[in-house]
C-alpha atoms as a PDB file:
ATOM      1  CA  MET A   1      -1.556  15.634   9.165  1.00  0.00           C
ATOM      2  CA  MET A   2      -4.625  14.963  11.514  1.00  0.00           C
ATOM      3  CA  GLN A   3      -5.185  15.791  15.409  1.00  0.00           C
ATOM      4  CA  ARG A   4      -5.641  13.345  18.147  1.00  0.00           C
ATOM      5  CA  LEU A   5      -7.553  12.860  20.698  1.00  0.00           C
ATOM      6  CA  ARG A   6      -6.156  14.711  24.381  1.00  0.00           C
ATOM      7  CA  ASN A   7      -5.732  11.572  27.132  1.00  0.00           C
ATOM      8  CA  ASN A   8      -7.511  14.102  29.965  1.00  0.00           C
ATOM      9  CA  SER A   9     -10.534  13.934  27.935  1.00  0.00           C
ATOM     10  CA  ASN A  10     -12.928  12.976  29.865  1.00  0.00           C
ATOM     11  CA  PHE A  11     -14.770   8.686  28.951  1.00  0.00           C
ATOM     12  CA  LEU A  12     -18.365   9.754  27.829  1.00  0.00           C
ATOM     13  CA  LYS A  13     -16.232  12.239  25.248  1.00  0.00           C
ATOM     14  CA  VAL A  14     -14.527   9.867  24.076  1.00  0.00           C
ATOM     15  CA  ASP A  15     -16.955   7.252  23.642  1.00  0.00           C
ATOM     16  CA  GLY A  16     -19.053  10.131  21.922  1.00  0.00           C
ATOM     17  CA  VAL A  17     -16.103  11.153  19.610  1.00  0.00           C
ATOM     18  CA  SER A  18     -15.210   7.007  18.861  1.00  0.00           C
ATOM     19  CA  HIS A  19     -19.195   6.300  18.513  1.00  0.00           C
ATOM     20  CA  ALA A  20     -19.188   9.442  15.884  1.00  0.00           C
ATOM     21  CA  LEU A  21     -15.717   8.309  13.847  1.00  0.00           C
ATOM     22  CA  LEU A  22     -17.249   4.720  13.695  1.00  0.00           C
ATOM     23  CA  ARG A  23     -20.630   6.639  11.890  1.00  0.00           C
ATOM     24  CA  LEU A  24     -18.256   8.544   9.226  1.00  0.00           C
ATOM     25  CA  TYR A  25     -16.349   5.216   8.945  1.00  0.00           C
ATOM     26  CA  ARG A  26     -19.652   3.108   8.071  1.00  0.00           C
ATOM     27  CA  THR A  27     -20.677   6.237   5.551  1.00  0.00           C
ATOM     28  CA  GLU A  28     -17.970   6.039   3.185  1.00  0.00           C
ATOM     29  CA  PRO A  29     -17.269   4.698   0.158  1.00  0.00           C
ATOM     30  CA  HIS A  30     -14.006   3.395   0.882  1.00  0.00           C
ATOM     31  CA  SER A  31     -14.424   1.658   4.305  1.00  0.00           C
ATOM     32  CA  ASP A  32     -13.261  -1.468   2.500  1.00  0.00           C
ATOM     33  CA  ASP A  33      -9.033  -0.802   3.426  1.00  0.00           C
ATOM     34  CA  PRO A  34      -8.106  -3.924   5.291  1.00  0.00           C
ATOM     35  CA  ILE A  35      -6.286  -2.057   7.993  1.00  0.00           C
ATOM     36  CA  LEU A  36      -8.656   0.847   8.547  1.00  0.00           C
ATOM     37  CA  SER A  37     -11.014  -1.620   8.765  1.00  0.00           C
ATOM     38  CA  ARG A  38      -9.177  -3.703  12.082  1.00  0.00           C
ATOM     39  CA  ILE A  39      -8.669  -0.242  13.547  1.00  0.00           C
ATOM     40  CA  PHE A  40     -12.713   0.700  13.414  1.00  0.00           C
ATOM     41  CA  SER A  41     -13.322  -2.965  14.393  1.00  0.00           C
ATOM     42  CA  GLU A  42     -11.037  -3.131  17.131  1.00  0.00           C
ATOM     43  CA  MET A  43     -12.128   1.081  17.727  1.00  0.00           C
ATOM     44  CA  GLU A  44     -16.057  -1.410  17.992  1.00  0.00           C
ATOM     45  CA  THR A  45     -14.296  -3.921  20.491  1.00  0.00           C
ATOM     46  CA  LEU A  46     -12.977  -1.822  22.891  1.00  0.00           C
ATOM     47  CA  LEU A  47     -15.966   0.684  23.443  1.00  0.00           C
ATOM     48  CA  ARG A  48     -18.447  -2.778  23.917  1.00  0.00           C
ATOM     49  CA  ASP A  49     -15.769  -4.316  26.443  1.00  0.00           C
ATOM     50  CA  MET A  50     -14.487  -0.377  28.125  1.00  0.00           C
ATOM     51  CA  LYS A  51     -14.992   0.516  31.766  1.00  0.00           C
ATOM     52  CA  MET A  52     -15.488   3.799  32.128  1.00  0.00           C
ATOM     53  CA  GLU A  53     -12.499   4.283  33.956  1.00  0.00           C
ATOM     54  CA  SER A  54     -10.598   2.459  31.040  1.00  0.00           C
ATOM     55  CA  LYS A  55     -10.211   5.162  28.519  1.00  0.00           C
ATOM     56  CA  LYS A  56      -6.523   4.751  27.597  1.00  0.00           C
ATOM     57  CA  PRO A  57      -6.758   1.996  24.757  1.00  0.00           C
ATOM     58  CA  LEU A  58      -9.208   3.720  22.690  1.00  0.00           C
ATOM     59  CA  ILE A  59      -7.618   7.130  23.051  1.00  0.00           C
ATOM     60  CA  ALA A  60      -4.065   5.310  21.558  1.00  0.00           C
ATOM     61  CA  LEU A  61      -5.769   3.413  19.203  1.00  0.00           C
ATOM     62  CA  ILE A  62      -7.107   6.767  17.667  1.00  0.00           C
ATOM     63  CA  ASN A  63      -3.827   8.269  18.126  1.00  0.00           C
ATOM     64  CA  ASP A  64      -1.087   6.217  17.330  1.00  0.00           C
ATOM     65  CA  ARG A  65      -2.775   3.912  15.453  1.00  0.00           C
ATOM     66  CA  LEU A  66      -6.248   5.995  13.072  1.00  0.00           C
ATOM     67  CA  ALA A  67      -5.075   9.461  13.134  1.00  0.00           C
ATOM     68  CA  PRO A  68      -1.159   8.691  11.367  1.00  0.00           C
ATOM     69  CA  TYR A  69      -2.409   5.759   9.242  1.00  0.00           C
ATOM     70  CA  LEU A  70      -5.304   8.183   7.854  1.00  0.00           C
ATOM     71  CA  THR A  71      -2.705  10.737   7.338  1.00  0.00           C
ATOM     72  CA  ALA A  72      -0.972   8.455   5.243  1.00  0.00           C
ATOM     73  CA  LEU A  73      -3.500   7.334   3.309  1.00  0.00           C
ATOM     74  CA  ALA A  74      -5.211  10.669   2.773  1.00  0.00           C
ATOM     75  CA  GLN A  75      -1.609  11.986   2.007  1.00  0.00           C
ATOM     76  CA  ASN A  76      -1.021   9.716  -0.553  1.00  0.00           C
ATOM     77  CA  ASP A  77      -4.599   9.292  -2.557  1.00  0.00           C
ATOM     78  CA  SER A  78      -6.565  12.707  -1.247  1.00  0.00           C
ATOM     79  CA  ALA A  79      -9.008  12.061  -3.938  1.00  0.00           C
ATOM     80  CA  THR A  80      -9.875   8.730  -2.251  1.00  0.00           C
ATOM     81  CA  TYR A  81      -8.816   9.297   1.346  1.00  0.00           C
ATOM     82  CA  GLY A  82      -8.843  13.518   2.059  1.00  0.00           C
ATOM     83  CA  GLU A  83     -12.695  13.797   2.580  1.00  0.00           C
ATOM     84  CA  PHE A  84     -12.730  11.004   5.364  1.00  0.00           C
ATOM     85  CA  GLU A  85      -9.340  12.239   6.693  1.00  0.00           C
ATOM     86  CA  ARG A  86     -10.718  15.590   7.003  1.00  0.00           C
ATOM     87  CA  LYS A  87     -14.608  14.363   8.651  1.00  0.00           C
ATOM     88  CA  THR A  88     -12.048  12.390  10.809  1.00  0.00           C
ATOM     89  CA  ASP A  89     -10.207  15.909  11.625  1.00  0.00           C
ATOM     90  CA  GLU A  90     -13.258  17.524  12.360  1.00  0.00           C
ATOM     91  CA  VAL A  91     -14.437  15.186  14.702  1.00  0.00           C
ATOM     92  CA  ILE A  92     -11.372  15.180  16.764  1.00  0.00           C
ATOM     93  CA  ALA A  93     -11.092  18.762  17.008  1.00  0.00           C
ATOM     94  CA  ARG A  94     -14.795  19.040  18.098  1.00  0.00           C
ATOM     95  CA  GLU A  95     -13.699  17.142  21.258  1.00  0.00           C
ATOM     96  CA  ASN A  96     -10.710  18.682  21.692  1.00  0.00           C
ATOM     97  CA  GLY A  97     -12.152  22.212  21.928  1.00  0.00           C
ATOM     98  CA  GLY A  98     -11.255  23.700  18.122  1.00  0.00           C
ATOM     99  CA  ARG A  99      -7.740  23.530  18.807  1.00  0.00           C
ATOM    100  CA  GLY A 100      -5.190  23.068  16.500  1.00  0.00           C
ATOM    101  CA  THR A 101      -3.687  20.008  18.727  1.00  0.00           C
ATOM    102  CA  LYS A 102      -2.091  17.021  17.049  1.00  0.00           C
ATOM    103  CA  GLN A 103      -2.298  14.817  19.451  1.00  0.00           C
ATOM    104  CA  ILE A 104      -4.672  13.533  23.015  1.00  0.00           C
ATOM    105  CA  LYS A 105      -2.892  15.815  25.808  1.00  0.00           C
ATOM    106  CA  THR A 106      -2.230  13.626  29.072  1.00  0.00           C
ATOM    107  CA  GLN A 107      -3.188  14.647  32.120  1.00  0.00           C
ATOM    108  CA  GLY A 108      -1.436  17.520  33.500  1.00  0.00           C
ATOM    109  CA  THR A 109       0.487  18.830  30.947  1.00  0.00           C
END
């Protein structure tokens, strides 16, 4: 299962990881999956409209929709989605400081 971002990640890191995920998504040959397309479209909208203090919707999108869906895709079709899931997981792991957590931790946990 993919890692998830920690909720106490600062805005600039969440913004950075989101942009890195978008760049990665755009370079993948299988980026025509309709659900992934919707998730990344929402990510772009949130990045464009987000205020500095409001990172929770973006973290929730990554943790609650992208990570579980991409994990399921990779489990069902590792030849097509396995590498994309691995690279996405690496981007999130870098944000989490390389820790093996599976989700973003909330402030104070």
